[in-house]
C-alpha cells in the first residue's frame, strides 16, 4: 500500500507536457442529478482537476440535471458516442451486467458501509468491472462513487415502522432489487426517473419513494410534499464511473495514467464527502419539517435473516451468478 501511494504521488507530481498544437480531446459528461448533489459535485471537482493536470489536453464539459440524458438512457448515449463519460447507478448498469447490482442482495440489508465496500472494492467488484468493460466497451477508471444508504420516504402517510409501507405505491429508480424490496414489505413498486420525481411527488403519482437523504435534500423534496422518512439502510447505492472506448483510445499513455491516478487520488475524499453530505442532509430534512423514524437494529437483523432465506431465489431473479454470490458471501462474512 505504501509503495502504491509513492507511485501514485510521483505520477501526479510529475508535470504533464502537452503536445504542442494538439487539439484538446473533448470529454462530454452527462449526469441527471442537480449541481448540489454529491455525485455532481464530485465529478465536477474531478473534471476541473483533470483539465488543469492535463494542461488543457482534455477539455471536459459537464451536463448535469439530465440536460442530455436521464440516467436510464445515459449508457446508451455513452455506447453510441453521444457523450464520453457517465457515472450511472449500479441498478441501471444491471440491465447490461446483472452482477453490478450485487450491493442490493438481501445480505446487505441494514448492514454497515464496510460490508458493501468489501464487496465492491474486492474480488466481486473486480469481476463486475471486467464484465462491464467488455459488455459496454468502456473503461472504468477506478473505484465506484458512494451514493449513500437507501431508505423510505413518504408524503401523506407517516412512516413509523416497516408495516406502514403496506399498500403504498412506492417509487424506485429501476432494476430488480428495489421493486422486490418494496413488495417484500407489502408496497406497490413503480419506476420513475429522478428528474421526474419532484413533479410526480407533488402530483401524488406515488405515495412514497426509495432514495437517500442526500438525494431528497439536494432536490428539496420537502417543497414538493415530502413529509416523512423511515431509515433502515436497506442498501448502499453506488455509481460506476465509466468513459467510452473511443475517448480512452484517443488518450496517450501518459494521459491514461494521469486520468486513473487522479481518480485514485480523489475517490477516497469523494466517498468521505458523500457520507458527510448524507449526514448533513438528514439534519436539513429535519430542519425543513421532514419527520424521520429509525428501524431498530434488532428488527433490521430479523428482517435481513428473513430476506436472506430467499437470497438464492432473488439472486437467480437478479441474474447474479452463483460464483459472484459465493464471493460476496465470503467477503461479507469477514465483516460480521
Protein backbone atom coordinates (compact mmCIF):
# COMPACT_ATOMS: atom_id res chain seq x y z
CA UNK A 1 0.00 0.00 0.00
CA UNK A 2 2.82 2.40 0.88
CA UNK A 3 4.53 1.63 -2.42
CA UNK A 4 1.31 2.32 -4.29
CA UNK A 5 0.96 5.70 -2.61
CA UNK A 6 4.54 6.60 -3.53
CA UNK A 7 3.98 5.64 -7.16
CA UNK A 8 0.66 7.48 -7.26
CA UNK A 9 2.12 10.59 -5.70
CA UNK A 10 5.02 10.55 -8.12
CA UNK A 11 2.74 10.20 -11.13
CA UNK A 12 0.63 13.17 -10.10
CA UNK A 13 3.61 15.26 -9.07
CA UNK A 14 5.38 14.77 -12.41
CA UNK A 15 4.47 17.54 -14.88
CA UNK A 16 2.38 16.54 -17.86
CA UNK A 17 3.82 18.01 -21.03
CA UNK A 18 1.08 18.71 -23.55
CA UNK A 19 1.97 18.15 -27.19
CA UNK A 20 2.29 21.48 -28.97
CA UNK A 21 -0.63 22.44 -31.22
CA UNK A 22 -2.58 19.26 -30.35
CA UNK A 23 -6.34 19.79 -30.32
CA UNK A 24 -7.97 19.27 -26.92
CA UNK A 25 -9.75 15.93 -26.50
CA UNK A 26 -13.37 16.65 -25.68
CA UNK A 27 -14.96 14.94 -22.71
CA UNK A 28 -18.73 15.40 -22.54
CA UNK A 29 -20.09 14.14 -19.23
CA UNK A 30 -23.76 13.51 -18.50
CA UNK A 31 -25.37 13.30 -15.04
CA UNK A 32 -29.05 13.62 -14.16
CA UNK A 33 -28.51 14.92 -10.63
CA UNK A 34 -28.55 18.61 -9.67
CA UNK A 35 -25.39 20.73 -9.21
CA UNK A 36 -25.85 20.49 -5.43
CA UNK A 37 -25.92 16.67 -5.42
CA UNK A 38 -22.82 14.90 -4.08
CA UNK A 39 -22.22 12.90 -7.26
CA UNK A 40 -22.36 16.05 -9.38
CA UNK A 41 -20.04 17.90 -7.01
CA UNK A 42 -17.55 15.01 -7.05
CA UNK A 43 -17.49 14.64 -10.83
CA UNK A 44 -17.27 18.41 -11.32
CA UNK A 45 -14.27 18.55 -9.00
CA UNK A 46 -12.58 15.67 -10.80
CA UNK A 47 -13.10 17.28 -14.22
CA UNK A 48 -11.70 20.59 -13.03
CA UNK A 49 -8.59 18.86 -11.70
CA UNK A 50 -8.29 16.72 -14.83
CA UNK A 51 -8.36 19.74 -17.15
CA UNK A 52 -5.75 21.52 -15.04
CA UNK A 53 -3.46 18.49 -14.67
CA UNK A 54 -3.63 17.76 -18.41
CA UNK A 55 -2.84 21.41 -19.18
CA UNK A 56 -5.99 21.60 -21.27
CA UNK A 57 -5.20 18.49 -23.32
CA UNK A 58 -8.54 17.12 -22.07
CA UNK A 59 -11.47 19.54 -22.38
CA UNK A 60 -14.34 18.39 -20.16
CA UNK A 61 -17.89 19.76 -20.30
CA UNK A 62 -20.36 18.68 -17.61
CA UNK A 63 -24.08 18.46 -18.37
CA UNK A 64 -25.95 17.97 -15.09
CA UNK A 65 -29.64 17.79 -14.14
CA UNK A 66 -30.45 15.47 -17.04
CA UNK A 67 -29.73 18.15 -19.66
CA UNK A 68 -28.61 15.47 -22.12
CA UNK A 69 -29.87 12.18 -20.70
CA UNK A 70 -31.69 10.82 -17.68
CA UNK A 71 -29.52 8.10 -16.17
CA UNK A 72 -31.80 5.39 -17.54
CA UNK A 73 -30.63 6.40 -21.07
CA UNK A 74 -27.07 7.52 -20.35
CA UNK A 75 -25.39 4.16 -21.01
CA UNK A 76 -26.94 4.04 -24.46
CA UNK A 77 -25.68 7.58 -25.11
CA UNK A 78 -22.22 6.55 -24.00
CA UNK A 79 -22.12 3.47 -26.23
CA UNK A 80 -23.41 5.44 -29.23
CA UNK A 81 -20.73 8.10 -28.83
CA UNK A 82 -23.10 10.92 -27.87
CA UNK A 83 -21.12 11.51 -24.66
CA UNK A 84 -17.71 10.38 -23.40
CA UNK A 85 -18.30 9.86 -19.66
CA UNK A 86 -21.07 8.95 -17.24
CA UNK A 87 -21.50 7.51 -13.77
CA UNK A 88 -24.77 5.55 -13.76
CA UNK A 89 -26.10 3.79 -10.70
CA UNK A 90 -25.41 0.10 -10.33
CA UNK A 91 -29.15 -0.60 -10.52
CA UNK A 92 -29.14 0.75 -14.08
CA UNK A 93 -25.89 -0.92 -15.12
CA UNK A 94 -27.53 -4.18 -14.04
CA UNK A 95 -29.70 -4.07 -17.17
CA UNK A 96 -26.50 -4.94 -19.07
CA UNK A 97 -24.43 -6.69 -16.38
CA UNK A 98 -26.75 -8.04 -13.66
CA UNK A 99 -23.93 -8.59 -11.15
CA UNK A 100 -23.37 -4.82 -11.00
CA UNK A 101 -26.31 -4.65 -8.60
CA UNK A 102 -24.75 -7.06 -6.10
CA UNK A 103 -24.95 -4.42 -3.34
CA UNK A 104 -28.72 -4.88 -3.31
CA UNK A 105 -28.61 -8.53 -2.31
CA UNK A 106 -30.55 -9.23 0.92
CA UNK A 107 -27.34 -9.93 2.86
CA UNK A 108 -26.57 -6.18 2.75
CA UNK A 109 -29.92 -5.06 4.22
CA UNK A 110 -29.22 -2.90 7.28
CA UNK A 111 -25.50 -3.68 7.15
CA UNK A 112 -22.69 -1.15 7.82
CA UNK A 113 -20.98 0.51 4.88
CA UNK A 114 -17.86 -1.65 5.26
CA UNK A 115 -19.83 -4.72 4.20
CA UNK A 116 -20.61 -3.22 0.81
CA UNK A 117 -17.14 -1.77 0.34
CA UNK A 118 -15.51 -5.13 0.97
CA UNK A 119 -17.55 -6.45 -1.94
CA UNK A 120 -17.29 -3.63 -4.48
CA UNK A 121 -13.61 -2.90 -3.77
CA UNK A 122 -12.71 -6.59 -3.62
CA UNK A 123 -12.88 -9.57 -5.95
CA UNK A 124 -16.65 -9.31 -6.64
CA UNK A 125 -16.22 -5.70 -7.76
CA UNK A 126 -13.20 -6.58 -9.89
CA UNK A 127 -15.23 -9.24 -11.70
CA UNK A 128 -18.09 -6.80 -12.28
CA UNK A 129 -15.72 -4.15 -13.65
CA UNK A 130 -14.27 -6.63 -16.11
CA UNK A 131 -17.74 -7.69 -17.26
CA UNK A 132 -18.95 -4.10 -17.64
CA UNK A 133 -15.83 -3.07 -19.55
CA UNK A 134 -16.23 -5.92 -22.05
CA UNK A 135 -20.01 -5.75 -22.40
CA UNK A 136 -20.30 -1.97 -22.83
CA UNK A 137 -16.87 -1.32 -24.37
CA UNK A 138 -15.96 1.23 -21.70
CA UNK A 139 -13.08 1.95 -19.37
CA UNK A 140 -13.75 2.07 -15.63
CA UNK A 141 -11.08 4.40 -14.18
CA UNK A 142 -11.24 3.16 -10.60
CA UNK A 143 -13.34 2.59 -7.51
CA UNK A 144 -17.04 3.39 -7.51
CA UNK A 145 -18.64 6.52 -6.05
CA UNK A 146 -20.80 6.01 -2.98
CA UNK A 147 -24.30 7.40 -3.17
CA UNK A 148 -25.33 6.51 0.37
CA UNK A 149 -27.86 4.33 2.12
CA UNK A 150 -31.28 3.95 0.55
CA UNK A 151 -34.28 4.45 2.85
CA UNK A 152 -38.05 5.01 2.60
CA UNK A 153 -39.73 8.42 2.36
CA UNK A 154 -43.41 9.37 2.06
CA UNK A 155 -45.80 12.25 1.51
CA UNK A 156 -49.07 11.93 3.44
CA UNK A 157 -48.73 8.71 5.44
CA UNK A 158 -46.39 8.77 8.45
CA UNK A 159 -43.73 6.06 8.38
CA UNK A 160 -43.11 4.81 11.90
CA UNK A 161 -42.48 1.11 11.22
CA UNK A 162 -41.88 -1.09 8.20
CA UNK A 163 -45.50 -2.23 8.44
CA UNK A 164 -46.54 1.29 7.38
CA UNK A 165 -45.22 0.61 3.87
CA UNK A 166 -48.01 -1.88 3.17
CA UNK A 167 -50.29 -0.78 0.34
CA UNK A 168 -48.26 2.28 -0.61
CA UNK A 169 -47.30 3.00 -4.22
CA UNK A 170 -43.52 3.31 -3.90
CA UNK A 171 -41.23 4.91 -6.48
CA UNK A 172 -37.88 3.29 -7.27
CA UNK A 173 -35.07 4.07 -9.71
CA UNK A 174 -35.05 0.74 -11.56
CA UNK A 175 -33.53 -2.70 -11.52
CA UNK A 176 -34.98 -5.80 -9.85
CA UNK A 177 -33.98 -5.48 -6.19
CA UNK A 178 -35.65 -2.19 -5.27
CA UNK A 179 -39.10 -3.26 -6.55
CA UNK A 180 -38.62 -6.65 -4.86
CA UNK A 181 -37.88 -4.96 -1.53
CA UNK A 182 -40.98 -2.76 -1.82
CA UNK A 183 -43.09 -5.86 -2.48
CA UNK A 184 -41.41 -7.70 0.42
CA UNK A 185 -42.86 -5.06 2.76
CA UNK A 186 -46.25 -5.01 1.03
CA UNK A 187 -45.70 -1.97 -1.18
CA UNK A 188 -46.59 -1.47 -4.85
CA UNK A 189 -43.44 -0.58 -6.84
CA UNK A 190 -43.27 1.91 -9.69
CA UNK A 191 -40.16 3.07 -11.56
CA UNK A 192 -39.75 6.81 -12.21
CA UNK A 193 -36.59 8.61 -13.38
CA UNK A 194 -35.06 11.00 -10.86
CA UNK A 195 -35.61 14.25 -12.88
CA UNK A 196 -39.34 13.43 -12.89
CA UNK A 197 -39.60 12.77 -9.15
CA UNK A 198 -40.33 16.31 -7.82
CA UNK A 199 -43.31 16.92 -10.12
CA UNK A 200 -44.60 13.36 -9.73
CA UNK A 201 -44.32 13.70 -5.96
CA UNK A 202 -46.27 16.96 -5.90
CA UNK A 203 -48.96 15.49 -8.15
CA UNK A 204 -49.41 12.41 -5.98
CA UNK A 205 -48.27 9.99 -8.69
CA UNK A 206 -46.78 7.85 -5.91
CA UNK A 207 -47.13 7.72 -2.13
CA UNK A 208 -43.54 7.02 -1.14
CA UNK A 209 -40.10 6.52 -2.62
CA UNK A 210 -36.85 4.65 -2.15
CA UNK A 211 -33.98 7.14 -2.15
CA UNK A 212 -31.29 8.64 0.09
CA UNK A 213 -31.23 11.55 2.50
CA UNK A 214 -28.87 13.49 0.26
CA UNK A 215 -30.83 12.93 -2.93
CA UNK A 216 -34.04 14.08 -1.23
CA UNK A 217 -32.38 17.12 0.34
CA UNK A 218 -30.45 18.24 -2.75
CA UNK A 219 -33.75 18.24 -4.68
CA UNK A 220 -35.55 19.95 -1.77
CA UNK A 221 -38.31 17.38 -1.96
CA UNK A 222 -39.97 18.87 1.11
CA UNK A 223 -41.04 21.68 -1.23
CA UNK A 224 -42.92 19.06 -3.27
CA UNK A 225 -44.71 17.29 -0.43
CA UNK A 226 -42.15 15.05 1.27
CA UNK A 227 -43.06 14.82 4.96
CA UNK A 228 -41.84 11.52 6.45
CA UNK A 229 -38.90 9.13 6.31
CA UNK A 230 -38.10 5.67 7.66
CA UNK A 231 -34.39 4.98 7.96
CA UNK A 232 -33.43 1.32 7.50
CA UNK A 233 -30.25 1.48 5.38
CA UNK A 234 -31.74 -1.08 3.01
CA UNK A 235 -28.71 -0.97 0.74
CA UNK A 236 -25.70 1.19 -0.12
CA UNK A 237 -26.14 2.81 -3.51
CA UNK A 238 -23.13 3.24 -5.80
CA UNK A 239 -22.33 4.88 -9.11
CA UNK A 240 -19.88 3.27 -11.55
CA UNK A 241 -17.65 5.81 -13.35
CA UNK A 242 -17.06 4.91 -16.98
CA UNK A 243 -15.64 6.50 -20.11
CA UNK A 244 -16.17 5.47 -23.70
CA UNK A 245 -13.75 3.21 -25.50
CA UNK A 246 -13.35 5.83 -28.25
CA UNK A 247 -12.37 8.53 -25.73
CA UNK A 248 -9.98 6.22 -23.91
CA UNK A 249 -8.37 5.17 -27.17
CA UNK A 250 -7.72 8.81 -28.07
CA UNK A 251 -5.63 9.35 -24.93
CA UNK A 252 -1.87 8.95 -24.89
CA UNK A 253 -0.39 6.51 -22.36
CA UNK A 254 0.60 9.48 -20.21
CA UNK A 255 -2.93 10.88 -20.23
CA UNK A 256 -4.41 7.47 -19.39
CA UNK A 257 -2.09 7.20 -16.39
CA UNK A 258 -2.95 10.76 -15.37
CA UNK A 259 -6.68 10.01 -15.56
CA UNK A 260 -6.61 6.83 -13.45
CA UNK A 261 -4.09 8.16 -10.93
CA UNK A 262 -6.09 11.35 -10.48
CA UNK A 263 -9.25 9.32 -9.87
CA UNK A 264 -7.45 7.10 -7.35
CA UNK A 265 -6.09 10.13 -5.54
CA UNK A 266 -9.55 11.68 -5.08
CA UNK A 267 -12.12 8.87 -4.77
CA UNK A 268 -11.45 8.45 -1.04
CA UNK A 269 -12.27 12.11 -0.44
CA UNK A 270 -15.37 11.89 -2.63
CA UNK A 271 -16.65 8.96 -0.60
CA UNK A 272 -15.95 10.78 2.65
CA UNK A 273 -17.68 13.89 1.35
CA UNK A 274 -20.73 11.92 0.26
CA UNK A 275 -21.01 10.33 3.71
CA UNK A 276 -20.82 13.78 5.30
CA UNK A 277 -23.39 15.08 2.82
CA UNK A 278 -25.79 12.29 3.82
CA UNK A 279 -25.44 13.26 7.48
CA UNK A 280 -25.97 16.94 6.71
CA UNK A 281 -28.95 16.11 4.52
CA UNK A 282 -30.57 14.22 7.38
CA UNK A 283 -30.31 17.35 9.54
CA UNK A 284 -31.58 19.55 6.70
CA UNK A 285 -34.64 17.37 6.21
CA UNK A 286 -35.48 17.55 9.90
CA UNK A 287 -34.98 21.31 9.84
CA UNK A 288 -37.45 21.53 6.97
CA UNK A 289 -40.16 19.57 8.72
CA UNK A 290 -39.49 16.02 7.49
CA UNK A 291 -40.12 13.62 10.38
CA UNK A 292 -37.71 10.69 10.43
CA UNK A 293 -38.13 7.38 12.25
CA UNK A 294 -35.48 4.70 12.62
CA UNK A 295 -35.82 0.92 12.38
CA UNK A 296 -34.18 -0.65 15.47
CA UNK A 297 -31.02 -2.75 14.86
CA UNK A 298 -32.66 -5.92 16.17
CA UNK A 299 -35.51 -5.57 13.67
CA UNK A 300 -33.04 -4.93 10.84
CA UNK A 301 -31.27 -8.18 11.76
CA UNK A 302 -34.57 -10.05 11.90
CA UNK A 303 -35.73 -8.72 8.52
CA UNK A 304 -32.32 -9.43 6.97
CA UNK A 305 -32.50 -13.02 8.18
CA UNK A 306 -35.93 -13.39 6.61
CA UNK A 307 -34.72 -11.86 3.34
CA UNK A 308 -31.56 -13.98 3.20
CA UNK A 309 -33.70 -17.11 3.41
CA UNK A 310 -34.88 -16.16 -0.10
CA UNK A 311 -31.49 -14.93 -1.33
CA UNK A 312 -30.70 -17.79 -3.70
CA UNK A 313 -34.03 -17.25 -5.43
CA UNK A 314 -33.54 -13.48 -5.52
CA UNK A 315 -30.01 -13.84 -6.91
CA UNK A 316 -31.40 -16.01 -9.72
CA UNK A 317 -34.07 -13.42 -10.46
CA UNK A 318 -31.39 -10.71 -10.44
CA UNK A 319 -29.33 -12.96 -12.74
CA UNK A 320 -26.40 -12.86 -10.34
CA UNK A 321 -24.19 -15.89 -10.90
CA UNK A 322 -23.56 -18.46 -8.15
CA UNK A 323 -19.84 -17.60 -8.40
CA UNK A 324 -20.41 -13.91 -7.64
CA UNK A 325 -22.89 -14.75 -4.88
CA UNK A 326 -20.36 -17.06 -3.28
CA UNK A 327 -17.63 -14.41 -3.48
CA UNK A 328 -19.97 -11.84 -1.94
CA UNK A 329 -20.86 -14.12 0.95
CA UNK A 330 -17.15 -14.75 1.57
CA UNK A 331 -16.31 -11.06 1.91
CA UNK A 332 -19.42 -10.18 3.92
CA UNK A 333 -18.62 -12.94 6.41
CA UNK A 334 -15.34 -11.12 7.08
CA UNK A 335 -17.33 -8.06 8.18
CA UNK A 336 -19.72 -9.84 10.53
